[in-house]
Amino acid sequence: MRIGELAGRTGVSRRALRYYEEQGLLRPERGPSGYREYAETDVADVRRIRTLLAAGLGTAVIAEVLPCMVEVEEEGALLAPGCPELVPGLSLELARIKEAIAQLDAAREVLTAIINAPVPAAAPPPAGTARTT
């Protein structure tokens, strides 16, 4: 199938599919005319790629784990590592995501405190502005 059909069947843009190819996630054949020719298995691969992206993995990690990921539910909604040696690396990715969430939570708390802080009645005007009387 050509790129337009794969895009239609997966709901992924042609541009994204080309990007996946650049990243080594998809490897379409090239027809005699130079057009990309995708296999039926690429439909499932695109679903798995989308699931792994939604899980917060980067394309370099996805390129490493994709060959060993298996679908547990139809349509790639739930994946499992088919190779046990993937679990430690995926656990490291989970730890990275948890740390990023903790940092964002801390930033949210600081910003919330700033927004909710009462402005003193005798507060000086911000630098570079004139106080009106």
N, C-alpha and C. Protein backbone atom coordinates (compact mmCIF):
# COMPACT_ATOMS: atom_id res chain seq x y z
N MET A 1 0.85 -1.18 0.00
CA MET A 1 0.00 0.00 0.00
C MET A 1 0.89 1.24 0.00
N ARG A 2 0.38 2.30 -0.52
CA ARG A 2 1.14 3.55 -0.57
C ARG A 2 0.90 4.36 0.70
N ILE A 3 1.68 5.43 0.83
CA ILE A 3 1.68 6.21 2.06
C ILE A 3 0.30 6.80 2.36
N GLY A 4 -0.43 7.22 1.34
CA GLY A 4 -1.75 7.80 1.56
C GLY A 4 -2.72 6.81 2.17
N GLU A 5 -2.66 5.57 1.72
CA GLU A 5 -3.55 4.54 2.27
C GLU A 5 -3.16 4.23 3.71
N LEU A 6 -1.85 4.12 3.97
CA LEU A 6 -1.40 3.86 5.35
C LEU A 6 -1.82 5.00 6.27
N ALA A 7 -1.68 6.23 5.79
CA ALA A 7 -2.11 7.39 6.58
C ALA A 7 -3.60 7.31 6.88
N GLY A 8 -4.39 6.97 5.88
CA GLY A 8 -5.83 6.87 6.08
C GLY A 8 -6.22 5.75 7.03
N ARG A 9 -5.55 4.63 6.94
CA ARG A 9 -5.90 3.48 7.78
C ARG A 9 -5.45 3.65 9.22
N THR A 10 -4.42 4.46 9.45
CA THR A 10 -3.89 4.61 10.80
C THR A 10 -4.25 5.94 11.45
N GLY A 11 -4.72 6.89 10.65
CA GLY A 11 -5.02 8.22 11.20
C GLY A 11 -3.77 9.03 11.49
N VAL A 12 -2.66 8.66 10.89
CA VAL A 12 -1.38 9.34 11.09
C VAL A 12 -1.04 10.09 9.81
N SER A 13 -0.54 11.29 9.92
CA SER A 13 -0.23 12.09 8.74
C SER A 13 0.90 11.47 7.92
N ARG A 14 0.91 11.80 6.65
CA ARG A 14 2.00 11.36 5.78
C ARG A 14 3.34 11.87 6.30
N ARG A 15 3.34 13.09 6.78
CA ARG A 15 4.57 13.68 7.31
C ARG A 15 5.09 12.86 8.49
N ALA A 16 4.19 12.46 9.39
CA ALA A 16 4.60 11.65 10.54
C ALA A 16 5.14 10.30 10.07
N LEU A 17 4.50 9.71 9.07
CA LEU A 17 4.98 8.43 8.56
C LEU A 17 6.37 8.55 7.96
N ARG A 18 6.62 9.64 7.25
CA ARG A 18 7.97 9.88 6.71
C ARG A 18 8.98 10.05 7.85
N TYR A 19 8.55 10.76 8.90
CA TYR A 19 9.42 10.94 10.06
C TYR A 19 9.74 9.59 10.71
N TYR A 20 8.74 8.74 10.85
CA TYR A 20 8.98 7.41 11.42
C TYR A 20 10.00 6.65 10.58
N GLU A 21 9.90 6.81 9.27
CA GLU A 21 10.87 6.16 8.39
C GLU A 21 12.27 6.73 8.62
N GLU A 22 12.38 8.04 8.71
CA GLU A 22 13.69 8.68 8.97
C GLU A 22 14.30 8.18 10.26
N GLN A 23 13.45 7.90 11.25
CA GLN A 23 13.93 7.46 12.56
C GLN A 23 14.18 5.95 12.61
N GLY A 24 13.92 5.26 11.51
CA GLY A 24 14.16 3.83 11.44
C GLY A 24 13.04 2.99 12.05
N LEU A 25 11.89 3.60 12.28
CA LEU A 25 10.77 2.88 12.88
C LEU A 25 9.96 2.12 11.84
N LEU A 26 9.93 2.63 10.63
CA LEU A 26 9.26 1.96 9.51
C LEU A 26 10.29 1.81 8.39
N ARG A 27 10.18 0.72 7.66
CA ARG A 27 11.10 0.46 6.56
C ARG A 27 10.33 0.02 5.32
N PRO A 28 9.67 0.97 4.67
CA PRO A 28 8.90 0.58 3.49
C PRO A 28 9.84 0.20 2.34
N GLU A 29 9.31 -0.64 1.46
CA GLU A 29 10.02 -0.96 0.22
C GLU A 29 9.84 0.23 -0.72
N ARG A 30 10.66 0.29 -1.73
CA ARG A 30 10.49 1.30 -2.77
C ARG A 30 10.13 0.58 -4.06
N GLY A 31 9.03 1.04 -4.66
CA GLY A 31 8.61 0.47 -5.93
C GLY A 31 9.50 0.95 -7.06
N PRO A 32 9.31 0.41 -8.26
CA PRO A 32 10.12 0.83 -9.40
C PRO A 32 10.01 2.33 -9.69
N SER A 33 8.88 2.92 -9.36
CA SER A 33 8.69 4.35 -9.58
C SER A 33 9.27 5.19 -8.44
N GLY A 34 9.77 4.53 -7.39
CA GLY A 34 10.34 5.26 -6.26
C GLY A 34 9.36 5.50 -5.13
N TYR A 35 8.08 5.18 -5.35
CA TYR A 35 7.08 5.37 -4.29
C TYR A 35 7.31 4.38 -3.15
N ARG A 36 7.00 4.83 -1.95
CA ARG A 36 7.08 3.94 -0.80
C ARG A 36 5.96 2.91 -0.90
N GLU A 37 6.28 1.68 -0.61
CA GLU A 37 5.30 0.60 -0.59
C GLU A 37 5.31 -0.02 0.81
N TYR A 38 4.20 0.14 1.53
CA TYR A 38 4.10 -0.35 2.90
C TYR A 38 3.43 -1.71 2.93
N ALA A 39 3.84 -2.53 3.86
CA ALA A 39 3.25 -3.85 4.05
C ALA A 39 2.05 -3.76 4.99
N GLU A 40 1.23 -4.77 4.99
CA GLU A 40 0.09 -4.83 5.90
C GLU A 40 0.55 -4.76 7.35
N THR A 41 1.69 -5.34 7.66
CA THR A 41 2.21 -5.33 9.03
C THR A 41 2.56 -3.92 9.50
N ASP A 42 2.77 -2.99 8.57
CA ASP A 42 3.10 -1.62 8.96
C ASP A 42 1.92 -0.93 9.65
N VAL A 43 0.70 -1.36 9.36
CA VAL A 43 -0.47 -0.79 10.03
C VAL A 43 -0.35 -1.05 11.54
N ALA A 44 -0.07 -2.28 11.90
CA ALA A 44 0.09 -2.63 13.32
C ALA A 44 1.32 -1.94 13.91
N ASP A 45 2.40 -1.84 13.13
CA ASP A 45 3.60 -1.17 13.64
C ASP A 45 3.31 0.30 13.96
N VAL A 46 2.56 0.97 13.10
CA VAL A 46 2.21 2.37 13.36
C VAL A 46 1.38 2.48 14.63
N ARG A 47 0.44 1.55 14.84
CA ARG A 47 -0.34 1.57 16.09
C ARG A 47 0.58 1.42 17.30
N ARG A 48 1.53 0.50 17.21
CA ARG A 48 2.46 0.29 18.33
C ARG A 48 3.34 1.53 18.54
N ILE A 49 3.80 2.13 17.46
CA ILE A 49 4.60 3.36 17.58
C ILE A 49 3.80 4.44 18.28
N ARG A 50 2.56 4.63 17.89
CA ARG A 50 1.71 5.66 18.51
C ARG A 50 1.50 5.39 20.00
N THR A 51 1.31 4.13 20.35
CA THR A 51 1.12 3.77 21.75
C THR A 51 2.39 4.07 22.55
N LEU A 52 3.54 3.73 22.00
CA LEU A 52 4.81 3.97 22.70
C LEU A 52 5.12 5.46 22.80
N LEU A 53 4.78 6.23 21.78
CA LEU A 53 4.94 7.69 21.88
C LEU A 53 4.04 8.24 22.97
N ALA A 54 2.79 7.74 23.03
CA ALA A 54 1.86 8.20 24.07
C ALA A 54 2.35 7.82 25.46
N ALA A 55 3.16 6.76 25.54
CA ALA A 55 3.73 6.35 26.83
C ALA A 55 4.93 7.20 27.23
N GLY A 56 5.30 8.15 26.38
CA GLY A 56 6.38 9.06 26.72
C GLY A 56 7.76 8.63 26.24
N LEU A 57 7.82 7.60 25.42
CA LEU A 57 9.11 7.15 24.91
C LEU A 57 9.51 7.95 23.69
N GLY A 58 10.79 8.20 23.55
CA GLY A 58 11.32 8.87 22.37
C GLY A 58 11.52 7.88 21.24
N THR A 59 11.72 8.40 20.05
CA THR A 59 11.83 7.52 18.89
C THR A 59 13.08 6.64 18.94
N ALA A 60 14.16 7.10 19.55
CA ALA A 60 15.36 6.26 19.66
C ALA A 60 15.07 5.02 20.52
N VAL A 61 14.37 5.23 21.63
CA VAL A 61 14.00 4.10 22.50
C VAL A 61 13.01 3.20 21.78
N ILE A 62 12.05 3.81 21.09
CA ILE A 62 11.05 3.02 20.37
C ILE A 62 11.73 2.14 19.32
N ALA A 63 12.72 2.67 18.63
CA ALA A 63 13.42 1.88 17.62
C ALA A 63 14.05 0.63 18.24
N GLU A 64 14.50 0.75 19.48
CA GLU A 64 15.11 -0.39 20.17
C GLU A 64 14.08 -1.42 20.63
N VAL A 65 12.95 -0.94 21.14
CA VAL A 65 11.99 -1.86 21.76
C VAL A 65 10.90 -2.36 20.82
N LEU A 66 10.65 -1.65 19.73
CA LEU A 66 9.53 -1.99 18.85
C LEU A 66 9.54 -3.43 18.36
N PRO A 67 10.68 -3.97 17.96
CA PRO A 67 10.65 -5.35 17.46
C PRO A 67 10.20 -6.39 18.48
N CYS A 68 10.31 -6.07 19.77
CA CYS A 68 9.94 -7.04 20.82
C CYS A 68 8.60 -6.73 21.48
N MET A 69 7.91 -5.70 21.03
CA MET A 69 6.62 -5.36 21.64
C MET A 69 5.52 -6.19 20.99
N VAL A 70 4.64 -6.71 21.83
CA VAL A 70 3.52 -7.51 21.34
C VAL A 70 2.22 -6.87 21.81
N GLU A 71 1.19 -6.99 20.97
CA GLU A 71 -0.12 -6.45 21.31
C GLU A 71 -0.83 -7.41 22.24
N VAL A 72 -1.30 -6.88 23.36
CA VAL A 72 -2.07 -7.67 24.32
C VAL A 72 -3.55 -7.52 24.02
N GLU A 73 -3.94 -6.34 23.52
CA GLU A 73 -5.32 -6.08 23.12
C GLU A 73 -5.34 -5.71 21.66
N GLU A 74 -6.50 -5.86 21.05
CA GLU A 74 -6.67 -5.47 19.65
C GLU A 74 -6.34 -4.00 19.45
N GLU A 75 -5.93 -3.67 18.25
CA GLU A 75 -5.64 -2.30 17.84
C GLU A 75 -4.48 -1.67 18.60
N GLY A 76 -3.62 -2.46 19.23
CA GLY A 76 -2.43 -1.93 19.87
C GLY A 76 -2.69 -1.08 21.09
N ALA A 77 -3.89 -1.18 21.67
CA ALA A 77 -4.23 -0.35 22.82
C ALA A 77 -3.38 -0.69 24.03
N LEU A 78 -2.96 -1.93 24.15
CA LEU A 78 -2.11 -2.33 25.26
C LEU A 78 -1.00 -3.20 24.71
N LEU A 79 0.21 -2.85 25.05
CA LEU A 79 1.38 -3.59 24.59
C LEU A 79 2.08 -4.24 25.76
N ALA A 80 2.87 -5.25 25.47
CA ALA A 80 3.69 -5.91 26.49
C ALA A 80 5.05 -6.18 25.88
N PRO A 81 6.09 -6.14 26.72
CA PRO A 81 7.41 -6.47 26.21
C PRO A 81 7.52 -7.97 25.96
N GLY A 82 7.68 -8.35 24.71
CA GLY A 82 7.80 -9.76 24.37
C GLY A 82 9.16 -10.34 24.72
N CYS A 83 10.11 -9.47 24.98
CA CYS A 83 11.46 -9.89 25.36
C CYS A 83 11.71 -9.40 26.79
N PRO A 84 11.95 -10.30 27.73
CA PRO A 84 12.12 -9.89 29.13
C PRO A 84 13.26 -8.90 29.35
N GLU A 85 14.26 -8.89 28.48
CA GLU A 85 15.38 -7.97 28.67
C GLU A 85 14.99 -6.51 28.44
N LEU A 86 13.79 -6.24 27.94
CA LEU A 86 13.32 -4.87 27.76
C LEU A 86 12.87 -4.24 29.07
N VAL A 87 12.45 -5.04 30.01
CA VAL A 87 11.83 -4.53 31.23
C VAL A 87 12.75 -3.56 32.00
N PRO A 88 14.02 -3.86 32.22
CA PRO A 88 14.86 -2.89 32.95
C PRO A 88 14.96 -1.53 32.24
N GLY A 89 15.11 -1.53 30.93
CA GLY A 89 15.18 -0.27 30.20
C GLY A 89 13.87 0.50 30.26
N LEU A 90 12.76 -0.22 30.15
CA LEU A 90 11.46 0.43 30.26
C LEU A 90 11.23 0.97 31.67
N SER A 91 11.76 0.26 32.67
CA SER A 91 11.65 0.75 34.05
C SER A 91 12.44 2.04 34.24
N LEU A 92 13.59 2.14 33.57
CA LEU A 92 14.37 3.39 33.62
C LEU A 92 13.60 4.54 32.97
N GLU A 93 12.93 4.25 31.86
CA GLU A 93 12.11 5.28 31.21
C GLU A 93 10.98 5.72 32.13
N LEU A 94 10.38 4.77 32.83
CA LEU A 94 9.31 5.11 33.78
C LEU A 94 9.85 6.00 34.89
N ALA A 95 11.03 5.69 35.40
CA ALA A 95 11.63 6.52 36.45
C ALA A 95 11.91 7.93 35.93
N ARG A 96 12.37 8.04 34.67
CA ARG A 96 12.62 9.36 34.06
C ARG A 96 11.32 10.16 33.98
N ILE A 97 10.24 9.51 33.58
CA ILE A 97 8.95 10.19 33.47
C ILE A 97 8.45 10.62 34.85
N LYS A 98 8.60 9.75 35.85
CA LYS A 98 8.17 10.10 37.21
C LYS A 98 8.95 11.31 37.73
N GLU A 99 10.24 11.38 37.44
CA GLU A 99 11.06 12.53 37.88
C GLU A 99 10.59 13.80 37.18
N ALA A 100 10.29 13.70 35.89
CA ALA A 100 9.79 14.87 35.16
C ALA A 100 8.46 15.34 35.74
N ILE A 101 7.60 14.42 36.11
CA ILE A 101 6.31 14.76 36.73
C ILE A 101 6.55 15.45 38.07
N ALA A 102 7.48 14.95 38.85
CA ALA A 102 7.79 15.57 40.15
C ALA A 102 8.28 17.00 39.97
N GLN A 103 9.12 17.22 38.96
CA GLN A 103 9.61 18.57 38.70
C GLN A 103 8.48 19.48 38.24
N LEU A 104 7.59 18.98 37.42
CA LEU A 104 6.45 19.79 36.99
C LEU A 104 5.50 20.07 38.15
N ASP A 105 5.30 19.10 39.04
CA ASP A 105 4.47 19.33 40.23
C ASP A 105 5.07 20.44 41.09
N ALA A 106 6.39 20.42 41.27
CA ALA A 106 7.05 21.46 42.07
C ALA A 106 6.89 22.82 41.40
N ALA A 107 7.04 22.87 40.10
CA ALA A 107 6.86 24.13 39.38
C ALA A 107 5.43 24.64 39.51
N ARG A 108 4.47 23.72 39.44
CA ARG A 108 3.07 24.11 39.58
C ARG A 108 2.80 24.70 40.95
N GLU A 109 3.37 24.09 41.99
CA GLU A 109 3.18 24.62 43.34
C GLU A 109 3.74 26.02 43.49
N VAL A 110 4.92 26.26 42.94
CA VAL A 110 5.53 27.60 43.02
C VAL A 110 4.67 28.60 42.25
N LEU A 111 4.25 28.26 41.05
CA LEU A 111 3.44 29.18 40.26
C LEU A 111 2.09 29.44 40.92
N THR A 112 1.48 28.42 41.50
CA THR A 112 0.21 28.60 42.21
C THR A 112 0.40 29.55 43.39
N ALA A 113 1.49 29.40 44.12
CA ALA A 113 1.76 30.30 45.25
C ALA A 113 1.94 31.73 44.77
N ILE A 114 2.61 31.92 43.65
CA ILE A 114 2.80 33.27 43.11
C ILE A 114 1.46 33.87 42.73
N ILE A 115 0.64 33.09 42.05
CA ILE A 115 -0.66 33.60 41.61
C ILE A 115 -1.55 33.94 42.80
N ASN A 116 -1.50 33.13 43.84
CA ASN A 116 -2.38 33.32 45.00
C ASN A 116 -1.81 34.24 46.07
N ALA A 117 -0.59 34.71 45.91
CA ALA A 117 0.01 35.58 46.92
C ALA A 117 -0.72 36.93 46.95
N PRO A 118 -1.04 37.41 48.18
CA PRO A 118 -1.70 38.71 48.28
C PRO A 118 -0.70 39.83 47.95
N VAL A 119 -1.16 40.81 47.23
CA VAL A 119 -0.30 41.95 46.91
C VAL A 119 -0.42 42.95 48.05
N PRO A 120 0.71 43.31 48.69
CA PRO A 120 0.66 44.28 49.78
C PRO A 120 0.11 45.63 49.29
N ALA A 121 -0.63 46.31 50.16
CA ALA A 121 -1.24 47.59 49.78
C ALA A 121 -0.17 48.62 49.43
N ALA A 122 0.96 48.58 50.10
CA ALA A 122 2.01 49.56 49.86
C ALA A 122 3.12 48.99 48.96
N ALA A 123 2.75 48.08 48.08
CA ALA A 123 3.75 47.46 47.22
C ALA A 123 4.32 48.49 46.26
N PRO A 124 5.62 48.47 46.08
CA PRO A 124 6.22 49.40 45.13
C PRO A 124 5.82 48.99 43.71
N PRO A 125 5.78 49.97 42.80
CA PRO A 125 5.42 49.61 41.42
C PRO A 125 6.54 48.78 40.79
N PRO A 126 6.21 47.95 39.82
CA PRO A 126 7.25 47.19 39.15
C PRO A 126 8.28 48.10 38.52
N ALA A 127 9.50 47.65 38.44
CA ALA A 127 10.58 48.45 37.87
C ALA A 127 10.21 48.89 36.47
N GLY A 128 10.51 50.16 36.17
CA GLY A 128 10.26 50.67 34.83
C GLY A 128 8.85 51.19 34.62
N THR A 129 8.01 51.17 35.67
CA THR A 129 6.66 51.71 35.52
C THR A 129 6.49 52.87 36.49
N ALA A 130 5.63 53.76 36.15
CA ALA A 130 5.37 54.92 37.00
C ALA A 130 4.15 54.64 37.84
N ARG A 131 4.17 55.07 39.07
CA ARG A 131 3.03 54.91 39.96
C ARG A 131 2.03 56.02 39.66
N THR A 132 0.78 55.65 39.54
CA THR A 132 -0.29 56.64 39.32
C THR A 132 -0.87 57.01 40.68
N THR A 133 -1.25 58.25 40.81
CA THR A 133 -1.83 58.70 42.09
C THR A 133 -3.29 58.97 41.99
